[in-house]
């Protein structure tokens, strides 16, 4: 059986991690995360490894996120809660480890990069997007919440764009990913492959690593092909999403007759009311929290959602039956009390 994550090293000091579940757009499982953590630990102390490349196998993209379909299918197991919480713990630990990693990590954000794929690469030192990049935190579509440290990094986006991206689960492309600091550089899909070959063909034992890598990136980097869509909407997004409750955000959008406001209301009201309210509190509270504190909160929230029927109904509607017609227990914003939301933030 072919491994779901592949590791390779080259004589010139380059190591590569390849997510290898192309049939599932490289969705992450516990059996992928643990080996990555172990291998990064090994390479961290290996003086012959100078930098790491992380990429995804297949044409569709880097990584579609955590494997929520498998999680759903195991929900009746006696060990479900323990196994689910272990998955999230290992995932979040790995994501934080990458933020702190002492060697350069080149993340190839080519094609689909969503949810857990964003979390796995956000802390990488060199994040490259292409004209094929489709970036999103889509957890709201399945009655979940944007985890993997999203309250930390989405709050660093300009203005209130982080709240907009979290609550609407909007998908963005390369120029917008750069705008929100979700990536560092743009290369075309073709140039990215040429750049990676150049990395493999460089003798890193004889180089100043940071200087040579910067020079190589500058050689192949370009300006994004498409213009950004978020920056022209910055003022409108800030006006509406600066509101302190989901009800106020919806009311603000309803007072705006623009096509953007109409589409945004439609996107919001299609989400689980529980997810909307929990996520807004998560982002508001996380604005002044440390990265570590945001991840700790994510673990508490994930544990609650694993006990929440609306999460499983969201997964069913999107990933299992694919009818896109979730029948949530809590169907209206008014059905979700502040007490219920607050309970999500206390350890279950």
C-alpha atoms as a PDB file:
ATOM      1  CA  UNK A   1       0.000   0.000   0.000  1.00  0.00           C
ATOM      2  CA  UNK A   2       1.320   3.449  -0.931  1.00  0.00           C
ATOM      3  CA  UNK A   3       1.926   5.735   2.051  1.00  0.00           C
ATOM      4  CA  UNK A   4      -0.379   8.738   2.442  1.00  0.00           C
ATOM      5  CA  UNK A   5       2.613  10.991   3.088  1.00  0.00           C
ATOM      6  CA  UNK A   6       6.010  10.593   1.435  1.00  0.00           C
ATOM      7  CA  UNK A   7       9.411  11.766   2.641  1.00  0.00           C
ATOM      8  CA  UNK A   8      12.600  12.148   0.671  1.00  0.00           C
ATOM      9  CA  UNK A   9      16.034  13.693   1.171  1.00  0.00           C
ATOM     10  CA  UNK A  10      18.600  14.844  -1.375  1.00  0.00           C
ATOM     11  CA  UNK A  11      22.371  14.903  -1.149  1.00  0.00           C
ATOM     12  CA  UNK A  12      22.350  18.680  -1.506  1.00  0.00           C
ATOM     13  CA  UNK A  13      20.564  19.134   1.840  1.00  0.00           C
ATOM     14  CA  UNK A  14      16.934  19.445   0.696  1.00  0.00           C
ATOM     15  CA  UNK A  15      14.186  17.343   2.293  1.00  0.00           C
ATOM     16  CA  UNK A  16      10.676  16.985   0.883  1.00  0.00           C
ATOM     17  CA  UNK A  17       7.303  16.189   2.431  1.00  0.00           C
ATOM     18  CA  UNK A  18       4.643  15.156  -0.095  1.00  0.00           C
ATOM     19  CA  UNK A  19       1.024  14.749   0.966  1.00  0.00           C
ATOM     20  CA  UNK A  20      -0.024  11.698  -1.028  1.00  0.00           C
ATOM     21  CA  UNK A  21      -3.798  11.274  -1.004  1.00  0.00           C
ATOM     22  CA  UNK A  22      -4.612  12.885  -4.363  1.00  0.00           C
ATOM     23  CA  UNK A  23      -7.947  11.045  -4.571  1.00  0.00           C
ATOM     24  CA  UNK A  24      -9.019  13.026  -1.449  1.00  0.00           C
ATOM     25  CA  UNK A  25      -7.145  16.221  -2.390  1.00  0.00           C
ATOM     26  CA  UNK A  26      -4.597  15.186   0.247  1.00  0.00           C
ATOM     27  CA  UNK A  27      -7.027  15.533   3.172  1.00  0.00           C
ATOM     28  CA  UNK A  28      -5.209  15.065   6.459  1.00  0.00           C
ATOM     29  CA  UNK A  29      -5.557  12.061   8.750  1.00  0.00           C
ATOM     30  CA  UNK A  30      -3.886  11.280  12.063  1.00  0.00           C
ATOM     31  CA  UNK A  31      -1.721   8.709  10.263  1.00  0.00           C
ATOM     32  CA  UNK A  32      -0.335  11.521   8.102  1.00  0.00           C
ATOM     33  CA  UNK A  33       0.158  14.127  10.820  1.00  0.00           C
ATOM     34  CA  UNK A  34       2.144  12.010  13.262  1.00  0.00           C
ATOM     35  CA  UNK A  35       4.822  10.951  10.726  1.00  0.00           C
ATOM     36  CA  UNK A  36       5.217  14.559   9.563  1.00  0.00           C
ATOM     37  CA  UNK A  37       5.817  15.675  13.139  1.00  0.00           C
ATOM     38  CA  UNK A  38       8.313  12.860  13.677  1.00  0.00           C
ATOM     39  CA  UNK A  39      10.197  13.531  10.453  1.00  0.00           C
ATOM     40  CA  UNK A  40      10.407  17.287  11.062  1.00  0.00           C
ATOM     41  CA  UNK A  41      11.813  16.547  14.515  1.00  0.00           C
ATOM     42  CA  UNK A  42      14.395  14.248  12.956  1.00  0.00           C
ATOM     43  CA  UNK A  43      15.378  16.788  10.283  1.00  0.00           C
ATOM     44  CA  UNK A  44      15.524  19.598  12.812  1.00  0.00           C
ATOM     45  CA  UNK A  45      18.565  17.953  14.398  1.00  0.00           C
ATOM     46  CA  UNK A  46      20.124  16.694  11.158  1.00  0.00           C
ATOM     47  CA  UNK A  47      22.991  18.988  10.174  1.00  0.00           C
ATOM     48  CA  UNK A  48      22.849  17.677   6.605  1.00  0.00           C
ATOM     49  CA  UNK A  49      19.270  18.959   6.076  1.00  0.00           C
ATOM     50  CA  UNK A  50      19.197  22.687   5.337  1.00  0.00           C
ATOM     51  CA  UNK A  51      15.650  23.322   4.126  1.00  0.00           C
ATOM     52  CA  UNK A  52      12.333  21.524   3.631  1.00  0.00           C
ATOM     53  CA  UNK A  53       9.791  21.585   0.807  1.00  0.00           C
ATOM     54  CA  UNK A  54       6.180  20.660   1.520  1.00  0.00           C
ATOM     55  CA  UNK A  55       3.873  19.956  -1.401  1.00  0.00           C
ATOM     56  CA  UNK A  56       0.792  17.978  -2.397  1.00  0.00           C
ATOM     57  CA  UNK A  57       0.492  15.147  -4.914  1.00  0.00           C
ATOM     58  CA  UNK A  58      -2.001  15.376  -7.765  1.00  0.00           C
ATOM     59  CA  UNK A  59      -3.427  18.045 -10.021  1.00  0.00           C
ATOM     60  CA  UNK A  60      -6.209  19.346  -7.787  1.00  0.00           C
ATOM     61  CA  UNK A  61      -4.193  20.948  -5.080  1.00  0.00           C
ATOM     62  CA  UNK A  62      -2.066  20.956  -1.973  1.00  0.00           C
ATOM     63  CA  UNK A  63      -4.589  19.980   0.710  1.00  0.00           C
ATOM     64  CA  UNK A  64      -8.367  20.206   1.171  1.00  0.00           C
ATOM     65  CA  UNK A  65      -8.065  20.192   4.983  1.00  0.00           C
ATOM     66  CA  UNK A  66      -8.730  17.638   7.676  1.00  0.00           C
ATOM     67  CA  UNK A  67     -10.503  14.444   6.630  1.00  0.00           C
ATOM     68  CA  UNK A  68     -13.917  15.271   8.062  1.00  0.00           C
ATOM     69  CA  UNK A  69     -15.626  12.554   6.025  1.00  0.00           C
ATOM     70  CA  UNK A  70     -13.644   9.844   7.800  1.00  0.00           C
ATOM     71  CA  UNK A  71     -14.304  11.571  11.115  1.00  0.00           C
ATOM     72  CA  UNK A  72     -18.048  11.517  10.385  1.00  0.00           C
ATOM     73  CA  UNK A  73     -18.004   7.842   9.418  1.00  0.00           C
ATOM     74  CA  UNK A  74     -16.351   6.900  12.730  1.00  0.00           C
ATOM     75  CA  UNK A  75     -18.828   8.843  14.892  1.00  0.00           C
ATOM     76  CA  UNK A  76     -20.526   5.707  16.262  1.00  0.00           C
ATOM     77  CA  UNK A  77     -17.265   4.139  17.405  1.00  0.00           C
ATOM     78  CA  UNK A  78     -16.812   3.715  21.162  1.00  0.00           C
ATOM     79  CA  UNK A  79     -13.483   5.517  20.908  1.00  0.00           C
ATOM     80  CA  UNK A  80     -14.731   8.328  18.643  1.00  0.00           C
ATOM     81  CA  UNK A  81     -14.320  11.245  21.058  1.00  0.00           C
ATOM     82  CA  UNK A  82     -10.880  10.115  22.181  1.00  0.00           C
ATOM     83  CA  UNK A  83      -9.707   9.555  18.607  1.00  0.00           C
ATOM     84  CA  UNK A  84     -11.156  12.855  17.369  1.00  0.00           C
ATOM     85  CA  UNK A  85      -9.578  14.846  20.176  1.00  0.00           C
ATOM     86  CA  UNK A  86      -6.248  13.126  19.532  1.00  0.00           C
ATOM     87  CA  UNK A  87      -6.458  14.121  15.854  1.00  0.00           C
ATOM     88  CA  UNK A  88      -7.026  17.778  16.693  1.00  0.00           C
ATOM     89  CA  UNK A  89      -4.350  17.801  19.396  1.00  0.00           C
ATOM     90  CA  UNK A  90      -1.731  16.333  17.045  1.00  0.00           C
ATOM     91  CA  UNK A  91      -2.811  18.627  14.202  1.00  0.00           C
ATOM     92  CA  UNK A  92      -2.581  21.774  16.303  1.00  0.00           C
ATOM     93  CA  UNK A  93       0.741  20.735  17.851  1.00  0.00           C
ATOM     94  CA  UNK A  94       2.198  20.182  14.375  1.00  0.00           C
ATOM     95  CA  UNK A  95       0.898  23.517  13.092  1.00  0.00           C
ATOM     96  CA  UNK A  96       2.512  25.339  16.024  1.00  0.00           C
ATOM     97  CA  UNK A  97       5.754  23.400  15.585  1.00  0.00           C
ATOM     98  CA  UNK A  98       5.999  24.670  12.009  1.00  0.00           C
ATOM     99  CA  UNK A  99       5.653  28.302  13.164  1.00  0.00           C
ATOM    100  CA  UNK A 100       8.692  27.764  15.388  1.00  0.00           C
ATOM    101  CA  UNK A 101      10.744  25.583  13.036  1.00  0.00           C
ATOM    102  CA  UNK A 102      14.379  26.746  12.855  1.00  0.00           C
ATOM    103  CA  UNK A 103      14.995  25.791   9.213  1.00  0.00           C
ATOM    104  CA  UNK A 104      13.339  27.252   6.097  1.00  0.00           C
ATOM    105  CA  UNK A 105      10.149  25.519   4.978  1.00  0.00           C
ATOM    106  CA  UNK A 106       8.987  26.169   1.423  1.00  0.00           C
ATOM    107  CA  UNK A 107       5.224  25.582   1.204  1.00  0.00           C
ATOM    108  CA  UNK A 108       3.808  25.078  -2.293  1.00  0.00           C
ATOM    109  CA  UNK A 109       0.248  26.449  -2.062  1.00  0.00           C
ATOM    110  CA  UNK A 110      -0.644  25.358  -5.585  1.00  0.00           C
ATOM    111  CA  UNK A 111      -4.296  24.524  -6.304  1.00  0.00           C
ATOM    112  CA  UNK A 112      -6.722  23.906  -3.440  1.00  0.00           C
ATOM    113  CA  UNK A 113      -5.459  24.992   0.000  1.00  0.00           C
ATOM    114  CA  UNK A 114      -8.184  24.863   2.625  1.00  0.00           C
ATOM    115  CA  UNK A 115      -8.720  24.473   6.367  1.00  0.00           C
ATOM    116  CA  UNK A 116      -6.129  22.097   7.755  1.00  0.00           C
ATOM    117  CA  UNK A 117      -3.981  22.720   4.660  1.00  0.00           C
ATOM    118  CA  UNK A 118      -3.893  26.407   5.563  1.00  0.00           C
ATOM    119  CA  UNK A 119      -3.021  25.531   9.154  1.00  0.00           C
ATOM    120  CA  UNK A 120      -0.241  23.180   8.114  1.00  0.00           C
ATOM    121  CA  UNK A 121       1.508  25.866   6.051  1.00  0.00           C
ATOM    122  CA  UNK A 122       0.593  29.213   7.610  1.00  0.00           C
ATOM    123  CA  UNK A 123       3.651  29.138   9.860  1.00  0.00           C
ATOM    124  CA  UNK A 124       6.037  28.107   7.067  1.00  0.00           C
ATOM    125  CA  UNK A 125       8.831  30.568   6.368  1.00  0.00           C
ATOM    126  CA  UNK A 126       8.286  30.741   2.571  1.00  0.00           C
ATOM    127  CA  UNK A 127       4.717  30.329   1.274  1.00  0.00           C
ATOM    128  CA  UNK A 128       4.232  30.379  -2.482  1.00  0.00           C
ATOM    129  CA  UNK A 129       0.889  30.815  -4.272  1.00  0.00           C
ATOM    130  CA  UNK A 130       0.148  30.366  -7.982  1.00  0.00           C
ATOM    131  CA  UNK A 131      -2.603  31.265 -10.444  1.00  0.00           C
ATOM    132  CA  UNK A 132      -4.167  27.905  -9.494  1.00  0.00           C
ATOM    133  CA  UNK A 133      -4.442  28.669  -5.765  1.00  0.00           C
ATOM    134  CA  UNK A 134      -7.920  28.374  -4.246  1.00  0.00           C
ATOM    135  CA  UNK A 135      -7.555  29.346  -0.563  1.00  0.00           C
ATOM    136  CA  UNK A 136     -10.309  29.157   2.044  1.00  0.00           C
ATOM    137  CA  UNK A 137     -11.254  28.457   5.618  1.00  0.00           C
ATOM    138  CA  UNK A 138     -14.444  26.562   4.653  1.00  0.00           C
ATOM    139  CA  UNK A 139     -15.340  25.025   8.017  1.00  0.00           C
ATOM    140  CA  UNK A 140     -18.515  27.104   8.346  1.00  0.00           C
ATOM    141  CA  UNK A 141     -19.993  25.182   5.406  1.00  0.00           C
ATOM    142  CA  UNK A 142     -20.082  21.988   7.496  1.00  0.00           C
ATOM    143  CA  UNK A 143     -21.296  23.409  10.805  1.00  0.00           C
ATOM    144  CA  UNK A 144     -17.798  23.609  12.287  1.00  0.00           C
ATOM    145  CA  UNK A 145     -15.566  26.617  12.992  1.00  0.00           C
ATOM    146  CA  UNK A 146     -12.294  27.943  11.481  1.00  0.00           C
ATOM    147  CA  UNK A 147      -9.691  26.220  13.617  1.00  0.00           C
ATOM    148  CA  UNK A 148      -5.921  25.561  13.170  1.00  0.00           C
ATOM    149  CA  UNK A 149      -5.104  28.906  14.814  1.00  0.00           C
ATOM    150  CA  UNK A 150      -7.425  30.947  12.592  1.00  0.00           C
ATOM    151  CA  UNK A 151      -8.292  33.396  15.365  1.00  0.00           C
ATOM    152  CA  UNK A 152      -4.594  34.243  15.423  1.00  0.00           C
ATOM    153  CA  UNK A 153      -3.890  34.642  11.721  1.00  0.00           C
ATOM    154  CA  UNK A 154      -7.271  35.909  10.462  1.00  0.00           C
ATOM    155  CA  UNK A 155      -7.121  38.743  12.966  1.00  0.00           C
ATOM    156  CA  UNK A 156      -3.875  39.827  11.298  1.00  0.00           C
ATOM    157  CA  UNK A 157      -5.659  40.406   7.989  1.00  0.00           C
ATOM    158  CA  UNK A 158      -6.382  44.082   7.158  1.00  0.00           C
ATOM    159  CA  UNK A 159      -9.359  45.554   8.979  1.00  0.00           C
ATOM    160  CA  UNK A 160     -12.173  43.078   9.513  1.00  0.00           C
ATOM    161  CA  UNK A 161     -11.464  40.933   6.461  1.00  0.00           C
ATOM    162  CA  UNK A 162     -10.572  38.029   8.750  1.00  0.00           C
ATOM    163  CA  UNK A 163     -14.079  38.021  10.210  1.00  0.00           C
ATOM    164  CA  UNK A 164     -15.560  38.221   6.711  1.00  0.00           C
ATOM    165  CA  UNK A 165     -13.511  35.266   5.448  1.00  0.00           C
ATOM    166  CA  UNK A 166     -14.277  33.188   8.547  1.00  0.00           C
ATOM    167  CA  UNK A 167     -18.029  33.763   8.669  1.00  0.00           C
ATOM    168  CA  UNK A 168     -18.705  33.524   4.920  1.00  0.00           C
ATOM    169  CA  UNK A 169     -16.128  30.759   4.216  1.00  0.00           C
ATOM    170  CA  UNK A 170     -15.260  32.701   1.060  1.00  0.00           C
ATOM    171  CA  UNK A 171     -12.663  31.248  -1.293  1.00  0.00           C
ATOM    172  CA  UNK A 172      -9.924  33.625  -2.465  1.00  0.00           C
ATOM    173  CA  UNK A 173      -7.145  33.500  -5.036  1.00  0.00           C
ATOM    174  CA  UNK A 174      -3.459  34.372  -5.045  1.00  0.00           C
ATOM    175  CA  UNK A 175      -3.542  38.182  -4.977  1.00  0.00           C
ATOM    176  CA  UNK A 176      -5.990  38.175  -2.073  1.00  0.00           C
ATOM    177  CA  UNK A 177      -4.015  35.520  -0.189  1.00  0.00           C
ATOM    178  CA  UNK A 178      -1.005  37.813  -0.426  1.00  0.00           C
ATOM    179  CA  UNK A 179      -3.135  40.776   0.686  1.00  0.00           C
ATOM    180  CA  UNK A 180      -4.175  39.029   3.909  1.00  0.00           C
ATOM    181  CA  UNK A 181      -0.596  37.796   4.552  1.00  0.00           C
ATOM    182  CA  UNK A 182      -1.552  34.187   3.879  1.00  0.00           C
ATOM    183  CA  UNK A 183       1.400  33.836   1.510  1.00  0.00           C
ATOM    184  CA  UNK A 184       4.706  35.542   0.771  1.00  0.00           C
ATOM    185  CA  UNK A 185       5.242  35.320  -2.966  1.00  0.00           C
ATOM    186  CA  UNK A 186       3.522  34.516  -6.265  1.00  0.00           C
ATOM    187  CA  UNK A 187       4.886  32.288  -8.987  1.00  0.00           C
ATOM    188  CA  UNK A 188       3.081  30.800 -11.952  1.00  0.00           C
ATOM    189  CA  UNK A 189       2.410  27.076 -11.708  1.00  0.00           C
ATOM    190  CA  UNK A 190       5.080  26.488 -14.355  1.00  0.00           C
ATOM    191  CA  UNK A 191       7.643  28.747 -12.689  1.00  0.00           C
ATOM    192  CA  UNK A 192       7.034  27.058  -9.344  1.00  0.00           C
ATOM    193  CA  UNK A 193       8.112  23.731 -10.817  1.00  0.00           C
ATOM    194  CA  UNK A 194      11.208  25.332 -12.336  1.00  0.00           C
ATOM    195  CA  UNK A 195      11.992  27.028  -9.014  1.00  0.00           C
ATOM    196  CA  UNK A 196      11.701  23.714  -7.124  1.00  0.00           C
ATOM    197  CA  UNK A 197      14.090  22.109  -9.612  1.00  0.00           C
ATOM    198  CA  UNK A 198      16.517  24.966  -9.010  1.00  0.00           C
ATOM    199  CA  UNK A 199      16.271  24.334  -5.267  1.00  0.00           C
ATOM    200  CA  UNK A 200      17.059  20.650  -5.818  1.00  0.00           C
ATOM    201  CA  UNK A 201      20.003  21.551  -8.056  1.00  0.00           C
ATOM    202  CA  UNK A 202      21.617  23.956  -5.582  1.00  0.00           C
ATOM    203  CA  UNK A 203      24.372  22.666  -3.311  1.00  0.00           C
ATOM    204  CA  UNK A 204      23.105  24.056  -0.029  1.00  0.00           C
ATOM    205  CA  UNK A 205      26.144  22.808   1.899  1.00  0.00           C
ATOM    206  CA  UNK A 206      28.172  25.585   0.267  1.00  0.00           C
ATOM    207  CA  UNK A 207      25.642  28.405   0.451  1.00  0.00           C
ATOM    208  CA  UNK A 208      24.398  31.077   2.796  1.00  0.00           C
ATOM    209  CA  UNK A 209      20.967  29.446   3.102  1.00  0.00           C
ATOM    210  CA  UNK A 210      18.753  32.485   3.667  1.00  0.00           C
ATOM    211  CA  UNK A 211      20.517  34.729   1.167  1.00  0.00           C
ATOM    212  CA  UNK A 212      20.638  32.118  -1.594  1.00  0.00           C
ATOM    213  CA  UNK A 213      17.023  31.100  -1.049  1.00  0.00           C
ATOM    214  CA  UNK A 214      15.903  34.733  -1.186  1.00  0.00           C
ATOM    215  CA  UNK A 215      17.823  35.248  -4.413  1.00  0.00           C
ATOM    216  CA  UNK A 216      16.283  32.130  -5.965  1.00  0.00           C
ATOM    217  CA  UNK A 217      12.773  33.175  -4.985  1.00  0.00           C
ATOM    218  CA  UNK A 218      13.309  36.674  -6.379  1.00  0.00           C
ATOM    219  CA  UNK A 219      14.481  35.141  -9.639  1.00  0.00           C
ATOM    220  CA  UNK A 220      11.223  33.246 -10.195  1.00  0.00           C
ATOM    221  CA  UNK A 221       8.676  35.457  -8.416  1.00  0.00           C
ATOM    222  CA  UNK A 222       6.175  37.528 -10.385  1.00  0.00           C
ATOM    223  CA  UNK A 223       3.199  39.783  -9.793  1.00  0.00           C
ATOM    224  CA  UNK A 224      -0.140  37.930  -9.558  1.00  0.00           C
ATOM    225  CA  UNK A 225      -2.017  37.636 -12.817  1.00  0.00           C
ATOM    226  CA  UNK A 226      -5.427  38.569 -11.389  1.00  0.00           C
ATOM    227  CA  UNK A 227      -6.146  41.749  -9.479  1.00  0.00           C
ATOM    228  CA  UNK A 228      -7.238  41.495  -5.818  1.00  0.00           C
ATOM    229  CA  UNK A 229     -10.939  41.528  -4.985  1.00  0.00           C
ATOM    230  CA  UNK A 230     -10.717  42.100  -1.225  1.00  0.00           C
ATOM    231  CA  UNK A 231      -8.879  45.426  -1.134  1.00  0.00           C
ATOM    232  CA  UNK A 232     -11.519  47.239  -3.243  1.00  0.00           C
ATOM    233  CA  UNK A 233     -14.148  45.943  -0.801  1.00  0.00           C
ATOM    234  CA  UNK A 234     -12.162  46.804   2.316  1.00  0.00           C
ATOM    235  CA  UNK A 235     -14.301  49.760   3.371  1.00  0.00           C
ATOM    236  CA  UNK A 236     -17.596  47.873   2.968  1.00  0.00           C
ATOM    237  CA  UNK A 237     -16.272  44.790   4.756  1.00  0.00           C
ATOM    238  CA  UNK A 238     -14.964  46.887   7.631  1.00  0.00           C
ATOM    239  CA  UNK A 239     -18.263  48.765   7.936  1.00  0.00           C
ATOM    240  CA  UNK A 240     -20.423  45.645   8.156  1.00  0.00           C
ATOM    241  CA  UNK A 241     -18.120  43.206   9.950  1.00  0.00           C
ATOM    242  CA  UNK A 242     -17.016  45.585  12.684  1.00  0.00           C
ATOM    243  CA  UNK A 243     -20.383  44.884  14.332  1.00  0.00           C
ATOM    244  CA  UNK A 244     -20.136  42.973  17.581  1.00  0.00           C
ATOM    245  CA  UNK A 245     -22.918  40.383  17.015  1.00  0.00           C
ATOM    246  CA  UNK A 246     -23.964  38.264  14.066  1.00  0.00           C
ATOM    247  CA  UNK A 247     -27.447  39.799  14.212  1.00  0.00           C
ATOM    248  CA  UNK A 248     -25.935  43.276  13.892  1.00  0.00           C
ATOM    249  CA  UNK A 249     -23.784  42.174  10.948  1.00  0.00           C
ATOM    250  CA  UNK A 250     -26.852  40.799   9.159  1.00  0.00           C
ATOM    251  CA  UNK A 251     -28.874  43.911   9.951  1.00  0.00           C
ATOM    252  CA  UNK A 252     -26.075  46.129   8.649  1.00  0.00           C
ATOM    253  CA  UNK A 253     -25.859  44.146   5.413  1.00  0.00           C
ATOM    254  CA  UNK A 254     -29.632  44.281   4.991  1.00  0.00           C
ATOM    255  CA  UNK A 255     -29.476  48.082   5.034  1.00  0.00           C
ATOM    256  CA  UNK A 256     -27.097  47.939   2.046  1.00  0.00           C
ATOM    257  CA  UNK A 257     -28.672  47.351  -1.376  1.00  0.00           C
ATOM    258  CA  UNK A 258     -25.393  46.499  -3.130  1.00  0.00           C
ATOM    259  CA  UNK A 259     -24.835  43.162  -4.862  1.00  0.00           C
ATOM    260  CA  UNK A 260     -21.937  42.476  -2.474  1.00  0.00           C
ATOM    261  CA  UNK A 261     -24.187  42.891   0.581  1.00  0.00           C
ATOM    262  CA  UNK A 262     -26.927  40.731  -0.916  1.00  0.00           C
ATOM    263  CA  UNK A 263     -24.505  37.917  -1.739  1.00  0.00           C
ATOM    264  CA  UNK A 264     -22.893  38.166   1.697  1.00  0.00           C
ATOM    265  CA  UNK A 265     -26.237  37.908   3.528  1.00  0.00           C
ATOM    266  CA  UNK A 266     -27.079  34.837   1.462  1.00  0.00           C
ATOM    267  CA  UNK A 267     -23.740  33.256   2.326  1.00  0.00           C
ATOM    268  CA  UNK A 268     -24.135  33.976   6.048  1.00  0.00           C
ATOM    269  CA  UNK A 269     -27.696  32.742   6.388  1.00  0.00           C
ATOM    270  CA  UNK A 270     -26.770  29.439   4.741  1.00  0.00           C
ATOM    271  CA  UNK A 271     -24.450  28.657   7.668  1.00  0.00           C
ATOM    272  CA  UNK A 272     -25.202  26.996  10.982  1.00  0.00           C
ATOM    273  CA  UNK A 273     -26.350  29.689  13.433  1.00  0.00           C
ATOM    274  CA  UNK A 274     -24.340  27.968  16.180  1.00  0.00           C
ATOM    275  CA  UNK A 275     -21.195  28.056  14.049  1.00  0.00           C
ATOM    276  CA  UNK A 276     -21.728  31.720  13.181  1.00  0.00           C
ATOM    277  CA  UNK A 277     -22.088  32.847  16.779  1.00  0.00           C
ATOM    278  CA  UNK A 278     -19.303  30.666  18.167  1.00  0.00           C
ATOM    279  CA  UNK A 279     -16.926  31.747  15.396  1.00  0.00           C
ATOM    280  CA  UNK A 280     -17.570  35.456  15.851  1.00  0.00           C
ATOM    281  CA  UNK A 281     -16.872  35.148  19.589  1.00  0.00           C
ATOM    282  CA  UNK A 282     -13.762  33.082  18.801  1.00  0.00           C
ATOM    283  CA  UNK A 283     -12.401  35.861  16.559  1.00  0.00           C
ATOM    284  CA  UNK A 284     -13.381  38.729  18.845  1.00  0.00           C
ATOM    285  CA  UNK A 285     -11.810  37.020  21.872  1.00  0.00           C
ATOM    286  CA  UNK A 286      -8.750  35.961  19.874  1.00  0.00           C
ATOM    287  CA  UNK A 287      -7.881  39.441  18.696  1.00  0.00           C
ATOM    288  CA  UNK A 288      -5.568  40.064  21.652  1.00  0.00           C
ATOM    289  CA  UNK A 289      -4.653  36.469  22.483  1.00  0.00           C
ATOM    290  CA  UNK A 290      -1.310  34.835  21.810  1.00  0.00           C
ATOM    291  CA  UNK A 291      -1.029  32.230  19.087  1.00  0.00           C
ATOM    292  CA  UNK A 292      -0.706  29.515  21.729  1.00  0.00           C
ATOM    293  CA  UNK A 293      -3.867  30.690  23.481  1.00  0.00           C
ATOM    294  CA  UNK A 294      -5.796  30.674  20.188  1.00  0.00           C
ATOM    295  CA  UNK A 295      -4.774  27.068  19.538  1.00  0.00           C
ATOM    296  CA  UNK A 296      -5.761  26.114  23.088  1.00  0.00           C
ATOM    297  CA  UNK A 297      -9.200  27.629  22.522  1.00  0.00           C
ATOM    298  CA  UNK A 298      -9.484  25.751  19.218  1.00  0.00           C
ATOM    299  CA  UNK A 299      -8.977  22.448  21.029  1.00  0.00           C
ATOM    300  CA  UNK A 300     -11.791  23.244  23.472  1.00  0.00           C
ATOM    301  CA  UNK A 301     -14.103  24.319  20.637  1.00  0.00           C
ATOM    302  CA  UNK A 302     -13.291  21.260  18.525  1.00  0.00           C
ATOM    303  CA  UNK A 303     -14.127  19.007  21.473  1.00  0.00           C
ATOM    304  CA  UNK A 304     -17.533  20.652  21.810  1.00  0.00           C
ATOM    305  CA  UNK A 305     -18.303  20.422  18.095  1.00  0.00           C
ATOM    306  CA  UNK A 306     -17.523  16.681  18.202  1.00  0.00           C
ATOM    307  CA  UNK A 307     -20.456  16.458  20.640  1.00  0.00           C
ATOM    308  CA  UNK A 308     -22.748  18.718  18.614  1.00  0.00           C
ATOM    309  CA  UNK A 309     -25.415  17.323  16.278  1.00  0.00           C
ATOM    310  CA  UNK A 310     -25.343  20.297  13.905  1.00  0.00           C
ATOM    311  CA  UNK A 311     -21.718  19.569  13.028  1.00  0.00           C
ATOM    312  CA  UNK A 312     -22.565  16.053  11.888  1.00  0.00           C
ATOM    313  CA  UNK A 313     -25.582  17.329   9.983  1.00  0.00           C
ATOM    314  CA  UNK A 314     -23.365  19.869   8.224  1.00  0.00           C
ATOM    315  CA  UNK A 315     -20.864  17.189   7.236  1.00  0.00           C
ATOM    316  CA  UNK A 316     -23.686  14.942   6.047  1.00  0.00           C
ATOM    317  CA  UNK A 317     -25.158  17.610   3.806  1.00  0.00           C
ATOM    318  CA  UNK A 318     -21.867  18.645   2.195  1.00  0.00           C
ATOM    319  CA  UNK A 319     -19.583  15.600   2.211  1.00  0.00           C
ATOM    320  CA  UNK A 320     -21.805  12.515   2.548  1.00  0.00           C
ATOM    321  CA  UNK A 321     -25.185  12.963   0.846  1.00  0.00           C
ATOM    322  CA  UNK A 322     -24.064  16.193  -0.863  1.00  0.00           C
ATOM    323  CA  UNK A 323     -27.608  17.571  -0.943  1.00  0.00           C
ATOM    324  CA  UNK A 324     -26.460  20.934   0.471  1.00  0.00           C
ATOM    325  CA  UNK A 325     -29.649  21.032   2.534  1.00  0.00           C
ATOM    326  CA  UNK A 326     -28.663  20.767   6.202  1.00  0.00           C
ATOM    327  CA  UNK A 327     -31.508  20.402   8.670  1.00  0.00           C
ATOM    328  CA  UNK A 328     -29.860  22.028  11.671  1.00  0.00           C
ATOM    329  CA  UNK A 329     -31.325  21.630  15.152  1.00  0.00           C
ATOM    330  CA  UNK A 330     -30.740  25.347  15.675  1.00  0.00           C
ATOM    331  CA  UNK A 331     -32.027  26.953  12.479  1.00  0.00           C
ATOM    332  CA  UNK A 332     -32.269  30.625  13.426  1.00  0.00           C
ATOM    333  CA  UNK A 333     -29.840  33.009  15.059  1.00  0.00           C
ATOM    334  CA  UNK A 334     -32.474  33.645  17.730  1.00  0.00           C
ATOM    335  CA  UNK A 335     -32.349  29.943  18.654  1.00  0.00           C
ATOM    336  CA  UNK A 336     -28.752  30.273  19.845  1.00  0.00           C
ATOM    337  CA  UNK A 337     -28.425  31.930  23.260  1.00  0.00           C
ATOM    338  CA  UNK A 338     -25.350  33.673  24.629  1.00  0.00           C
ATOM    339  CA  UNK A 339     -25.226  31.010  27.350  1.00  0.00           C
ATOM    340  CA  UNK A 340     -24.997  28.250  24.743  1.00  0.00           C
ATOM    341  CA  UNK A 341     -22.202  30.095  22.920  1.00  0.00           C
ATOM    342  CA  UNK A 342     -20.284  30.718  26.135  1.00  0.00           C
ATOM    343  CA  UNK A 343     -20.524  27.016  27.043  1.00  0.00           C
ATOM    344  CA  UNK A 344     -18.531  26.168  23.915  1.00  0.00           C
ATOM    345  CA  UNK A 345     -15.561  27.987  25.435  1.00  0.00           C
ATOM    346  CA  UNK A 346     -15.442  25.962  28.655  1.00  0.00           C
ATOM    347  CA  UNK A 347     -13.735  22.567  28.708  1.00  0.00           C
ATOM    348  CA  UNK A 348     -16.273  19.783  28.072  1.00  0.00           C
END
